[in-house]
C-alpha cells in the first residue's frame, strides 16, 4: 500500500518506529515536496552574470529550490533571459517575484511575468 502524508520530516522517523512496533513492514519512506513554479522573461542588456546576480539576491530572500536560466542574444544588443524557478511556498513565490521585479527595475530591464 502506498500512502502519502503531509507531515513534518522530524515526525517521519517517529511514525516509522510506531509502525515497526506494531509489526508493520515498512518498505520505503520517501519525501514528496510540493513546489510552486514561476516562469518569467527579462529583456534588456541581459548577461549571464547579471542574471546570476539577480538570482543570488533572490535566493537570499526566498527559498529557491530550482532555477533554470536561458539567455538568447540578438544583433541589436538587447538580450532575453527566460527564467524558470521553483520555490516551496506561495509566500516564497511572492517574495521571489518582488525581489526580481525590484532588481530588474534597478538594472533597467523589462520584466514579463507568467510567461509559458
PDB file of N, CA and C in Angstrom:
ATOM      1  N   UNK A   1       0.854  -1.168   0.000  1.00  0.00           N
ATOM      2  CA  UNK A   1       0.000   0.000   0.000  1.00  0.00           C
ATOM      3  C   UNK A   1       0.900   1.230   0.000  1.00  0.00           C
ATOM      4  N   UNK A   2       0.638   2.153  -0.915  1.00  0.00           N
ATOM      5  CA  UNK A   2       1.352   3.425  -0.951  1.00  0.00           C
ATOM      6  C   UNK A   2       0.527   4.462  -0.211  1.00  0.00           C
ATOM      7  N   UNK A   3       1.164   5.169   0.704  1.00  0.00           N
ATOM      8  CA  UNK A   3       0.500   6.220   1.471  1.00  0.00           C
ATOM      9  C   UNK A   3       1.283   7.510   1.331  1.00  0.00           C
ATOM     10  N   UNK A   4       0.581   8.624   1.280  1.00  0.00           N
ATOM     11  CA  UNK A   4       1.224   9.930   1.237  1.00  0.00           C
ATOM     12  C   UNK A   4       0.701  10.753   2.404  1.00  0.00           C
ATOM     13  N   UNK A   5       1.631  11.310   3.182  1.00  0.00           N
ATOM     14  CA  UNK A   5       1.275  12.135   4.334  1.00  0.00           C
ATOM     15  C   UNK A   5       1.896  13.507   4.170  1.00  0.00           C
ATOM     16  N   UNK A   6       1.186  14.523   4.600  1.00  0.00           N
ATOM     17  CA  UNK A   6       1.755  15.860   4.710  1.00  0.00           C
ATOM     18  C   UNK A   6       2.162  15.993   6.168  1.00  0.00           C
ATOM     19  N   UNK A   7       3.435  15.728   6.444  1.00  0.00           N
ATOM     20  CA  UNK A   7       3.896  15.604   7.826  1.00  0.00           C
ATOM     21  C   UNK A   7       5.259  16.259   7.978  1.00  0.00           C
ATOM     22  N   UNK A   8       5.529  16.748   9.147  1.00  0.00           N
ATOM     23  CA  UNK A   8       6.837  17.313   9.473  1.00  0.00           C
ATOM     24  C   UNK A   8       7.894  16.219   9.303  1.00  0.00           C
ATOM     25  N   UNK A   9       8.980  16.489   8.584  1.00  0.00           N
ATOM     26  CA  UNK A   9      10.010  15.469   8.358  1.00  0.00           C
ATOM     27  C   UNK A   9      10.569  14.858   9.644  1.00  0.00           C
ATOM     28  N   UNK A  10      10.589  15.629  10.735  1.00  0.00           N
ATOM     29  CA  UNK A  10      11.099  15.095  12.002  1.00  0.00           C
ATOM     30  C   UNK A  10      10.185  14.012  12.575  1.00  0.00           C
ATOM     31  N   UNK A  11       8.914  14.051  12.206  1.00  0.00           N
ATOM     32  CA  UNK A  11       7.963  13.075  12.732  1.00  0.00           C
ATOM     33  C   UNK A  11       7.939  11.774  11.929  1.00  0.00           C
ATOM     34  N   UNK A  12       8.551  11.767  10.763  1.00  0.00           N
ATOM     35  CA  UNK A  12       8.548  10.561   9.930  1.00  0.00           C
ATOM     36  C   UNK A  12       9.202   9.393  10.655  1.00  0.00           C
ATOM     37  N   UNK A  13      10.339   9.632  11.278  1.00  0.00           N
ATOM     38  CA  UNK A  13      11.039   8.553  11.991  1.00  0.00           C
ATOM     39  C   UNK A  13      10.203   8.039  13.162  1.00  0.00           C
ATOM     40  N   UNK A  14       9.525   8.927  13.858  1.00  0.00           N
ATOM     41  CA  UNK A  14       8.639   8.513  14.952  1.00  0.00           C
ATOM     42  C   UNK A  14       7.510   7.635  14.422  1.00  0.00           C
ATOM     43  N   UNK A  15       6.916   8.047  13.313  1.00  0.00           N
ATOM     44  CA  UNK A  15       5.851   7.263  12.693  1.00  0.00           C
ATOM     45  C   UNK A  15       6.357   5.884  12.273  1.00  0.00           C
ATOM     46  N   UNK A  16       7.534   5.847  11.682  1.00  0.00           N
ATOM     47  CA  UNK A  16       8.124   4.569  11.265  1.00  0.00           C
ATOM     48  C   UNK A  16       8.324   3.650  12.474  1.00  0.00           C
ATOM     49  N   UNK A  17       8.835   4.182  13.574  1.00  0.00           N
ATOM     50  CA  UNK A  17       9.056   3.372  14.785  1.00  0.00           C
ATOM     51  C   UNK A  17       7.749   2.816  15.344  1.00  0.00           C
ATOM     52  N   UNK A  18       6.689   3.602  15.300  1.00  0.00           N
ATOM     53  CA  UNK A  18       5.381   3.128  15.762  1.00  0.00           C
ATOM     54  C   UNK A  18       4.911   1.969  14.888  1.00  0.00           C
ATOM     55  N   UNK A  19       5.048   2.125  13.574  1.00  0.00           N
ATOM     56  CA  UNK A  19       4.620   1.055  12.668  1.00  0.00           C
ATOM     57  C   UNK A  19       5.420  -0.222  12.895  1.00  0.00           C
ATOM     58  N   UNK A  20       6.738  -0.083  13.042  1.00  0.00           N
ATOM     59  CA  UNK A  20       7.583  -1.262  13.270  1.00  0.00           C
ATOM     60  C   UNK A  20       7.183  -1.952  14.575  1.00  0.00           C
ATOM     61  N   UNK A  21       6.862  -1.180  15.609  1.00  0.00           N
ATOM     62  CA  UNK A  21       6.447  -1.779  16.885  1.00  0.00           C
ATOM     63  C   UNK A  21       5.118  -2.531  16.759  1.00  0.00           C
ATOM     64  N   UNK A  22       4.325  -2.205  15.748  1.00  0.00           N
ATOM     65  CA  UNK A  22       3.037  -2.877  15.506  1.00  0.00           C
ATOM     66  C   UNK A  22       3.176  -3.967  14.438  1.00  0.00           C
ATOM     67  N   UNK A  23       4.426  -4.350  14.129  1.00  0.00           N
ATOM     68  CA  UNK A  23       4.733  -5.385  13.130  1.00  0.00           C
ATOM     69  C   UNK A  23       4.310  -5.016  11.710  1.00  0.00           C
ATOM     70  N   UNK A  24       4.294  -3.727  11.412  1.00  0.00           N
ATOM     71  CA  UNK A  24       4.046  -3.276  10.044  1.00  0.00           C
ATOM     72  C   UNK A  24       5.392  -3.234   9.333  1.00  0.00           C
ATOM     73  N   UNK A  25       5.458  -3.843   8.170  1.00  0.00           N
ATOM     74  CA  UNK A  25       6.703  -3.850   7.400  1.00  0.00           C
ATOM     75  C   UNK A  25       6.746  -2.575   6.557  1.00  0.00           C
ATOM     76  N   UNK A  26       7.754  -1.766   6.809  1.00  0.00           N
ATOM     77  CA  UNK A  26       7.933  -0.512   6.076  1.00  0.00           C
ATOM     78  C   UNK A  26       8.992  -0.761   5.016  1.00  0.00           C
ATOM     79  N   UNK A  27       8.572  -0.724   3.772  1.00  0.00           N
ATOM     80  CA  UNK A  27       9.481  -0.986   2.665  1.00  0.00           C
ATOM     81  C   UNK A  27      10.310   0.248   2.313  1.00  0.00           C
ATOM     82  N   UNK A  28       9.672   1.398   2.281  1.00  0.00           N
ATOM     83  CA  UNK A  28      10.365   2.616   1.860  1.00  0.00           C
ATOM     84  C   UNK A  28       9.613   3.826   2.396  1.00  0.00           C
ATOM     85  N   UNK A  29      10.362   4.804   2.841  1.00  0.00           N
ATOM     86  CA  UNK A  29       9.782   6.094   3.220  1.00  0.00           C
ATOM     87  C   UNK A  29      10.522   7.152   2.420  1.00  0.00           C
ATOM     88  N   UNK A  30       9.779   7.929   1.673  1.00  0.00           N
ATOM     89  CA  UNK A  30      10.379   8.973   0.855  1.00  0.00           C
ATOM     90  C   UNK A  30       9.740  10.309   1.158  1.00  0.00           C
ATOM     91  N   UNK A  31      10.186  11.312   0.433  1.00  0.00           N
ATOM     92  CA  UNK A  31       9.696  12.658   0.642  1.00  0.00           C
ATOM     93  C   UNK A  31       9.095  13.184  -0.654  1.00  0.00           C
ATOM     94  N   UNK A  32       7.963  13.814  -0.537  1.00  0.00           N
ATOM     95  CA  UNK A  32       7.334  14.474  -1.669  1.00  0.00           C
ATOM     96  C   UNK A  32       7.254  15.955  -1.322  1.00  0.00           C
ATOM     97  N   UNK A  33       7.776  16.780  -2.189  1.00  0.00           N
ATOM     98  CA  UNK A  33       7.760  18.220  -1.952  1.00  0.00           C
ATOM     99  C   UNK A  33       6.859  18.870  -2.997  1.00  0.00           C
ATOM    100  N   UNK A  34       5.907  19.632  -2.541  1.00  0.00           N
ATOM    101  CA  UNK A  34       5.019  20.362  -3.433  1.00  0.00           C
ATOM    102  C   UNK A  34       5.663  21.715  -3.714  1.00  0.00           C
ATOM    103  N   UNK A  35       6.042  21.940  -4.969  1.00  0.00           N
ATOM    104  CA  UNK A  35       6.721  23.178  -5.327  1.00  0.00           C
ATOM    105  C   UNK A  35       5.786  24.109  -6.087  1.00  0.00           C
ATOM    106  N   UNK A  36       6.051  25.386  -5.960  1.00  0.00           N
ATOM    107  CA  UNK A  36       5.326  26.419  -6.691  1.00  0.00           C
ATOM    108  C   UNK A  36       6.283  26.961  -7.747  1.00  0.00           C
ATOM    109  N   UNK A  37       5.837  26.962  -8.997  1.00  0.00           N
ATOM    110  CA  UNK A  37       6.703  27.340 -10.112  1.00  0.00           C
ATOM    111  C   UNK A  37       6.296  28.680 -10.690  1.00  0.00           C
ATOM    112  N   UNK A  38       7.275  29.361 -11.253  1.00  0.00           N
ATOM    113  CA  UNK A  38       7.021  30.601 -11.967  1.00  0.00           C
ATOM    114  C   UNK A  38       7.954  30.662 -13.169  1.00  0.00           C
ATOM    115  N   UNK A  39       7.477  31.297 -14.209  1.00  0.00           N
ATOM    116  CA  UNK A  39       8.277  31.492 -15.416  1.00  0.00           C
ATOM    117  C   UNK A  39       8.181  32.970 -15.764  1.00  0.00           C
ATOM    118  N   UNK A  40       9.321  33.577 -16.043  1.00  0.00           N
ATOM    119  CA  UNK A  40       9.299  34.979 -16.423  1.00  0.00           C
ATOM    120  C   UNK A  40      10.404  35.270 -17.418  1.00  0.00           C
ATOM    121  N   UNK A  41      10.255  36.393 -18.118  1.00  0.00           N
ATOM    122  CA  UNK A  41      11.217  36.801 -19.127  1.00  0.00           C
ATOM    123  C   UNK A  41      11.799  38.149 -18.727  1.00  0.00           C
ATOM    124  N   UNK A  42      13.097  38.289 -18.927  1.00  0.00           N
ATOM    125  CA  UNK A  42      13.796  39.540 -18.649  1.00  0.00           C
ATOM    126  C   UNK A  42      14.382  40.020 -19.970  1.00  0.00           C
ATOM    127  N   UNK A  43      14.085  41.259 -20.338  1.00  0.00           N
ATOM    128  CA  UNK A  43      14.534  41.817 -21.610  1.00  0.00           C
ATOM    129  C   UNK A  43      15.388  43.046 -21.340  1.00  0.00           C
ATOM    130  N   UNK A  44      16.496  43.156 -22.053  1.00  0.00           N
ATOM    131  CA  UNK A  44      17.382  44.305 -21.913  1.00  0.00           C
ATOM    132  C   UNK A  44      18.802  43.905 -22.229  1.00  0.00           C
ATOM    133  N   UNK A  45      19.752  44.611 -21.664  1.00  0.00           N
ATOM    134  CA  UNK A  45      21.163  44.271 -21.848  1.00  0.00           C
ATOM    135  C   UNK A  45      21.513  43.170 -20.844  1.00  0.00           C
ATOM    136  N   UNK A  46      20.829  42.042 -20.971  1.00  0.00           N
ATOM    137  CA  UNK A  46      20.926  40.944 -20.015  1.00  0.00           C
ATOM    138  C   UNK A  46      22.151  40.090 -20.321  1.00  0.00           C
ATOM    139  N   UNK A  47      22.943  39.830 -19.294  1.00  0.00           N
ATOM    140  CA  UNK A  47      24.084  38.923 -19.422  1.00  0.00           C
ATOM    141  C   UNK A  47      23.923  37.794 -18.410  1.00  0.00           C
ATOM    142  N   UNK A  48      24.707  36.760 -18.595  1.00  0.00           N
ATOM    143  CA  UNK A  48      24.665  35.643 -17.646  1.00  0.00           C
ATOM    144  C   UNK A  48      25.036  36.122 -16.246  1.00  0.00           C
ATOM    145  N   UNK A  49      26.039  36.983 -16.157  1.00  0.00           N
ATOM    146  CA  UNK A  49      26.470  37.454 -14.834  1.00  0.00           C
ATOM    147  C   UNK A  49      25.410  38.342 -14.175  1.00  0.00           C
ATOM    148  N   UNK A  50      24.700  39.154 -14.972  1.00  0.00           N
ATOM    149  CA  UNK A  50      23.654  39.991 -14.371  1.00  0.00           C
ATOM    150  C   UNK A  50      22.487  39.134 -13.881  1.00  0.00           C
ATOM    151  N   UNK A  51      22.142  38.081 -14.609  1.00  0.00           N
ATOM    152  CA  UNK A  51      21.067  37.189 -14.160  1.00  0.00           C
ATOM    153  C   UNK A  51      21.504  36.389 -12.940  1.00  0.00           C
ATOM    154  N   UNK A  52      22.770  35.968 -12.914  1.00  0.00           N
ATOM    155  CA  UNK A  52      23.281  35.266 -11.726  1.00  0.00           C
ATOM    156  C   UNK A  52      23.200  36.164 -10.498  1.00  0.00           C
ATOM    157  N   UNK A  53      23.531  37.447 -10.678  1.00  0.00           N
ATOM    158  CA  UNK A  53      23.474  38.393  -9.556  1.00  0.00           C
ATOM    159  C   UNK A  53      22.035  38.594  -9.084  1.00  0.00           C
ATOM    160  N   UNK A  54      21.107  38.718 -10.023  1.00  0.00           N
ATOM    161  CA  UNK A  54      19.693  38.880  -9.658  1.00  0.00           C
ATOM    162  C   UNK A  54      19.206  37.659  -8.893  1.00  0.00           C
ATOM    163  N   UNK A  55      19.520  36.473  -9.389  1.00  0.00           N
ATOM    164  CA  UNK A  55      19.044  35.252  -8.731  1.00  0.00           C
ATOM    165  C   UNK A  55      19.747  35.032  -7.392  1.00  0.00           C
ATOM    166  N   UNK A  56      20.999  35.442  -7.267  1.00  0.00           N
ATOM    167  CA  UNK A  56      21.693  35.325  -5.974  1.00  0.00           C
ATOM    168  C   UNK A  56      20.990  36.189  -4.926  1.00  0.00           C
ATOM    169  N   UNK A  57      20.603  37.396  -5.320  1.00  0.00           N
ATOM    170  CA  UNK A  57      19.858  38.271  -4.411  1.00  0.00           C
ATOM    171  C   UNK A  57      18.512  37.645  -4.058  1.00  0.00           C
ATOM    172  N   UNK A  58      17.836  37.092  -5.056  1.00  0.00           N
ATOM    173  CA  UNK A  58      16.529  36.463  -4.820  1.00  0.00           C
ATOM    174  C   UNK A  58      16.656  35.264  -3.884  1.00  0.00           C
ATOM    175  N   UNK A  59      17.724  34.486  -4.047  1.00  0.00           N
ATOM    176  CA  UNK A  59      17.919  33.292  -3.215  1.00  0.00           C
ATOM    177  C   UNK A  59      18.216  33.644  -1.760  1.00  0.00           C
ATOM    178  N   UNK A  60      18.731  34.848  -1.517  1.00  0.00           N
ATOM    179  CA  UNK A  60      18.958  35.296  -0.141  1.00  0.00           C
ATOM    180  C   UNK A  60      17.634  35.568   0.577  1.00  0.00           C
ATOM    181  N   UNK A  61      16.600  35.919  -0.181  1.00  0.00           N
ATOM    182  CA  UNK A  61      15.324  36.325   0.414  1.00  0.00           C
ATOM    183  C   UNK A  61      14.239  35.248   0.333  1.00  0.00           C
ATOM    184  N   UNK A  62      14.344  34.344  -0.647  1.00  0.00           N
ATOM    185  CA  UNK A  62      13.319  33.309  -0.843  1.00  0.00           C
ATOM    186  C   UNK A  62      14.002  31.952  -0.982  1.00  0.00           C
ATOM    187  N   UNK A  63      13.307  30.908  -0.550  1.00  0.00           N
ATOM    188  CA  UNK A  63      13.851  29.544  -0.613  1.00  0.00           C
ATOM    189  C   UNK A  63      13.652  28.983  -2.020  1.00  0.00           C
ATOM    190  N   UNK A  64      14.595  29.303  -2.913  1.00  0.00           N
ATOM    191  CA  UNK A  64      14.530  28.824  -4.292  1.00  0.00           C
ATOM    192  C   UNK A  64      15.069  27.398  -4.331  1.00  0.00           C
ATOM    193  N   UNK A  65      14.224  26.458  -4.756  1.00  0.00           N
ATOM    194  CA  UNK A  65      14.605  25.046  -4.819  1.00  0.00           C
ATOM    195  C   UNK A  65      15.305  24.714  -6.127  1.00  0.00           C
ATOM    196  N   UNK A  66      14.865  25.339  -7.213  1.00  0.00           N
ATOM    197  CA  UNK A  66      15.450  25.073  -8.526  1.00  0.00           C
ATOM    198  C   UNK A  66      15.309  26.318  -9.385  1.00  0.00           C
ATOM    199  N   UNK A  67      16.273  26.485 -10.289  1.00  0.00           N
ATOM    200  CA  UNK A  67      16.245  27.654 -11.168  1.00  0.00           C
ATOM    201  C   UNK A  67      16.929  27.294 -12.485  1.00  0.00           C
ATOM    202  N   UNK A  68      16.291  27.642 -13.590  1.00  0.00           N
ATOM    203  CA  UNK A  68      16.857  27.424 -14.918  1.00  0.00           C
ATOM    204  C   UNK A  68      16.814  28.757 -15.648  1.00  0.00           C
ATOM    205  N   UNK A  69      17.965  29.192 -16.157  1.00  0.00           N
ATOM    206  CA  UNK A  69      18.056  30.466 -16.868  1.00  0.00           C
ATOM    207  C   UNK A  69      18.562  30.192 -18.276  1.00  0.00           C
ATOM    208  N   UNK A  70      17.822  30.674 -19.260  1.00  0.00           N
ATOM    209  CA  UNK A  70      18.235  30.542 -20.664  1.00  0.00           C
ATOM    210  C   UNK A  70      18.304  31.940 -21.262  1.00  0.00           C
ATOM    211  N   UNK A  71      19.452  32.258 -21.843  1.00  0.00           N
ATOM    212  CA  UNK A  71      19.661  33.595 -22.390  1.00  0.00           C
ATOM    213  C   UNK A  71      19.833  33.500 -23.897  1.00  0.00           C
ATOM    214  N   UNK A  72      19.104  34.345 -24.620  1.00  0.00           N
ATOM    215  CA  UNK A  72      19.277  34.437 -26.067  1.00  0.00           C
ATOM    216  C   UNK A  72      19.751  35.848 -26.388  1.00  0.00           C
ATOM    217  N   UNK A  73      20.532  35.964 -27.450  1.00  0.00           N
ATOM    218  CA  UNK A  73      21.062  37.280 -27.810  1.00  0.00           C
ATOM    219  C   UNK A  73      20.619  37.641 -29.221  1.00  0.00           C
ATOM    220  N   UNK A  74      20.685  38.931 -29.503  1.00  0.00           N
ATOM    221  CA  UNK A  74      20.343  39.407 -30.839  1.00  0.00           C
ATOM    222  C   UNK A  74      21.386  40.416 -31.284  1.00  0.00           C
ATOM    223  N   UNK A  75      21.387  40.721 -32.559  1.00  0.00           N
ATOM    224  CA  UNK A  75      22.363  41.673 -33.090  1.00  0.00           C
ATOM    225  C   UNK A  75      22.087  43.092 -32.610  1.00  0.00           C
ATOM    226  N   UNK A  76      20.895  43.351 -32.095  1.00  0.00           N
ATOM    227  CA  UNK A  76      20.550  44.697 -31.620  1.00  0.00           C
ATOM    228  C   UNK A  76      21.158  45.005 -30.255  1.00  0.00           C
ATOM    229  N   UNK A  77      21.733  43.990 -29.599  1.00  0.00           N
ATOM    230  CA  UNK A  77      22.325  44.200 -28.285  1.00  0.00           C
ATOM    231  C   UNK A  77      21.354  43.983 -27.147  1.00  0.00           C
ATOM    232  N   UNK A  78      20.092  43.780 -27.468  1.00  0.00           N
ATOM    233  CA  UNK A  78      19.092  43.501 -26.430  1.00  0.00           C
ATOM    234  C   UNK A  78      18.940  41.991 -26.331  1.00  0.00           C
ATOM    235  N   UNK A  79      19.226  41.482 -25.174  1.00  0.00           N
ATOM    236  CA  UNK A  79      19.145  40.049 -24.936  1.00  0.00           C
ATOM    237  C   UNK A  79      17.887  39.728 -24.146  1.00  0.00           C
ATOM    238  N   UNK A  80      17.528  38.468 -24.169  1.00  0.00           N
ATOM    239  CA  UNK A  80      16.356  38.000 -23.435  1.00  0.00           C
ATOM    240  C   UNK A  80      16.754  36.826 -22.566  1.00  0.00           C
ATOM    241  N   UNK A  81      16.308  36.835 -21.323  1.00  0.00           N
ATOM    242  CA  UNK A  81      16.526  35.699 -20.425  1.00  0.00           C
ATOM    243  C   UNK A  81      15.165  35.109 -20.084  1.00  0.00           C
ATOM    244  N   UNK A  82      15.051  33.801 -20.247  1.00  0.00           N
ATOM    245  CA  UNK A  82      13.855  33.078 -19.833  1.00  0.00           C
ATOM    246  C   UNK A  82      14.222  32.334 -18.564  1.00  0.00           C
ATOM    247  N   UNK A  83      13.516  32.632 -17.482  1.00  0.00           N
ATOM    248  CA  UNK A  83      13.848  32.067 -16.176  1.00  0.00           C
ATOM    249  C   UNK A  83      12.672  31.242 -15.669  1.00  0.00           C
ATOM    250  N   UNK A  84      12.976  30.008 -15.274  1.00  0.00           N
ATOM    251  CA  UNK A  84      12.006  29.137 -14.620  1.00  0.00           C
ATOM    252  C   UNK A  84      12.525  28.893 -13.215  1.00  0.00           C
ATOM    253  N   UNK A  85      11.697  29.135 -12.209  1.00  0.00           N
ATOM    254  CA  UNK A  85      12.131  28.957 -10.823  1.00  0.00           C
ATOM    255  C   UNK A  85      11.053  28.222 -10.031  1.00  0.00           C
ATOM    256  N   UNK A  86      11.499  27.445  -9.039  1.00  0.00           N
ATOM    257  CA  UNK A  86      10.594  26.704  -8.160  1.00  0.00           C
ATOM    258  C   UNK A  86      10.915  27.037  -6.711  1.00  0.00           C
ATOM    259  N   UNK A  87       9.868  27.272  -5.934  1.00  0.00           N
ATOM    260  CA  UNK A  87      10.006  27.555  -4.503  1.00  0.00           C
ATOM    261  C   UNK A  87       9.032  26.662  -3.732  1.00  0.00           C
ATOM    262  N   UNK A  88       9.233  26.564  -2.410  1.00  0.00           N
ATOM    263  CA  UNK A  88       8.414  25.669  -1.594  1.00  0.00           C
ATOM    264  C   UNK A  88       7.061  26.236  -1.194  1.00  0.00           C
ATOM    265  N   UNK A  89       6.940  27.555  -1.097  1.00  0.00           N
ATOM    266  CA  UNK A  89       5.682  28.112  -0.590  1.00  0.00           C
ATOM    267  C   UNK A  89       5.205  29.273  -1.454  1.00  0.00           C
ATOM    268  N   UNK A  90       3.924  29.580  -1.315  1.00  0.00           N
ATOM    269  CA  UNK A  90       3.357  30.728  -2.030  1.00  0.00           C
ATOM    270  C   UNK A  90       3.974  32.025  -1.527  1.00  0.00           C
ATOM    271  N   UNK A  91       4.312  32.062  -0.244  1.00  0.00           N
ATOM    272  CA  UNK A  91       4.967  33.247   0.322  1.00  0.00           C
ATOM    273  C   UNK A  91       6.322  33.471  -0.351  1.00  0.00           C
ATOM    274  N   UNK A  92       7.092  32.384  -0.517  1.00  0.00           N
ATOM    275  CA  UNK A  92       8.382  32.496  -1.203  1.00  0.00           C
ATOM    276  C   UNK A  92       8.193  32.906  -2.658  1.00  0.00           C
ATOM    277  N   UNK A  93       7.120  32.444  -3.282  1.00  0.00           N
ATOM    278  CA  UNK A  93       6.840  32.815  -4.665  1.00  0.00           C
ATOM    279  C   UNK A  93       6.612  34.321  -4.773  1.00  0.00           C
ATOM    280  N   UNK A  94       5.835  34.869  -3.853  1.00  0.00           N
ATOM    281  CA  UNK A  94       5.605  36.310  -3.835  1.00  0.00           C
ATOM    282  C   UNK A  94       6.878  37.092  -3.574  1.00  0.00           C
ATOM    283  N   UNK A  95       7.685  36.604  -2.629  1.00  0.00           N
ATOM    284  CA  UNK A  95       8.960  37.252  -2.311  1.00  0.00           C
ATOM    285  C   UNK A  95       9.889  37.214  -3.510  1.00  0.00           C
ATOM    286  N   UNK A  96       9.965  36.060  -4.165  1.00  0.00           N
ATOM    287  CA  UNK A  96      10.821  35.904  -5.342  1.00  0.00           C
ATOM    288  C   UNK A  96      10.431  36.901  -6.424  1.00  0.00           C
ATOM    289  N   UNK A  97       9.152  36.979  -6.726  1.00  0.00           N
ATOM    290  CA  UNK A  97       8.694  37.895  -7.769  1.00  0.00           C
ATOM    291  C   UNK A  97       8.938  39.353  -7.395  1.00  0.00           C
ATOM    292  N   UNK A  98       8.765  39.683  -6.127  1.00  0.00           N
ATOM    293  CA  UNK A  98       9.008  41.056  -5.670  1.00  0.00           C
ATOM    294  C   UNK A  98      10.484  41.425  -5.803  1.00  0.00           C
ATOM    295  N   UNK A  99      11.364  40.544  -5.351  1.00  0.00           N
ATOM    296  CA  UNK A  99      12.808  40.814  -5.402  1.00  0.00           C
ATOM    297  C   UNK A  99      13.280  40.922  -6.847  1.00  0.00           C
ATOM    298  N   UNK A 100      12.859  39.986  -7.687  1.00  0.00           N
ATOM    299  CA  UNK A 100      13.284  40.017  -9.086  1.00  0.00           C
ATOM    300  C   UNK A 100      12.759  41.277  -9.769  1.00  0.00           C
ATOM    301  N   UNK A 101      11.532  41.666  -9.460  1.00  0.00           N
ATOM    302  CA  UNK A 101      10.979  42.895 -10.025  1.00  0.00           C
ATOM    303  C   UNK A 101      11.809  44.119  -9.664  1.00  0.00           C
ATOM    304  N   UNK A 102      12.174  44.241  -8.393  1.00  0.00           N
ATOM    305  CA  UNK A 102      12.990  45.375  -7.943  1.00  0.00           C
ATOM    306  C   UNK A 102      14.376  45.353  -8.584  1.00  0.00           C
ATOM    307  N   UNK A 103      14.975  44.172  -8.661  1.00  0.00           N
ATOM    308  CA  UNK A 103      16.308  44.051  -9.265  1.00  0.00           C
ATOM    309  C   UNK A 103      16.277  44.427 -10.744  1.00  0.00           C
ATOM    310  N   UNK A 104      15.243  44.005 -11.452  1.00  0.00           N
ATOM    311  CA  UNK A 104      15.134  44.332 -12.874  1.00  0.00           C
ATOM    312  C   UNK A 104      14.954  45.833 -13.081  1.00  0.00           C
ATOM    313  N   UNK A 105      14.134  46.461 -12.246  1.00  0.00           N
ATOM    314  CA  UNK A 105      13.944  47.908 -12.345  1.00  0.00           C
ATOM    315  C   UNK A 105      15.267  48.629 -12.113  1.00  0.00           C
ATOM    316  N   UNK A 106      16.022  48.200 -11.095  1.00  0.00           N
ATOM    317  CA  UNK A 106      17.284  48.876 -10.779  1.00  0.00           C
ATOM    318  C   UNK A 106      18.324  48.711 -11.888  1.00  0.00           C
ATOM    319  N   UNK A 107      18.217  47.655 -12.677  1.00  0.00           N
ATOM    320  CA  UNK A 107      19.174  47.416 -13.764  1.00  0.00           C
ATOM    321  C   UNK A 107      18.649  47.893 -15.120  1.00  0.00           C
ATOM    322  N   UNK A 108      17.432  48.432 -15.136  1.00  0.00           N
ATOM    323  CA  UNK A 108      16.863  48.935 -16.379  1.00  0.00           C
ATOM    324  C   UNK A 108      16.332  47.846 -17.300  1.00  0.00           C
ATOM    325  N   UNK A 109      16.014  46.676 -16.752  1.00  0.00           N
ATOM    326  CA  UNK A 109      15.480  45.571 -17.540  1.00  0.00           C
ATOM    327  C   UNK A 109      13.955  45.616 -17.529  1.00  0.00           C
ATOM    328  N   UNK A 110      13.368  45.034 -18.554  1.00  0.00           N
ATOM    329  CA  UNK A 110      11.921  44.848 -18.602  1.00  0.00           C
ATOM    330  C   UNK A 110      11.618  43.437 -18.121  1.00  0.00           C
ATOM    331  N   UNK A 111      10.681  43.303 -17.192  1.00  0.00           N
ATOM    332  CA  UNK A 111      10.302  42.002 -16.642  1.00  0.00           C
ATOM    333  C   UNK A 111       8.891  41.661 -17.093  1.00  0.00           C
ATOM    334  N   UNK A 112       8.736  40.470 -17.640  1.00  0.00           N
ATOM    335  CA  UNK A 112       7.423  39.964 -18.028  1.00  0.00           C
ATOM    336  C   UNK A 112       7.176  38.706 -17.212  1.00  0.00           C
ATOM    337  N   UNK A 113       6.158  38.738 -16.358  1.00  0.00           N
ATOM    338  CA  UNK A 113       5.834  37.589 -15.507  1.00  0.00           C
ATOM    339  C   UNK A 113       4.823  36.684 -16.196  1.00  0.00           C
ATOM    340  N   UNK A 114       4.792  35.427 -15.761  1.00  0.00           N
ATOM    341  CA  UNK A 114       3.768  34.496 -16.219  1.00  0.00           C
ATOM    342  C   UNK A 114       3.937  34.005 -17.639  1.00  0.00           C
ATOM    343  N   UNK A 115       5.157  33.995 -18.142  1.00  0.00           N
ATOM    344  CA  UNK A 115       5.428  33.514 -19.499  1.00  0.00           C
ATOM    345  C   UNK A 115       5.423  31.993 -19.487  1.00  0.00           C
ATOM    346  N   UNK A 116       4.734  31.387 -20.443  1.00  0.00           N
ATOM    347  CA  UNK A 116       4.778  29.923 -20.567  1.00  0.00           C
ATOM    348  C   UNK A 116       4.650  29.531 -21.995  1.00  0.00           C
TER     349      UNK A 116
END
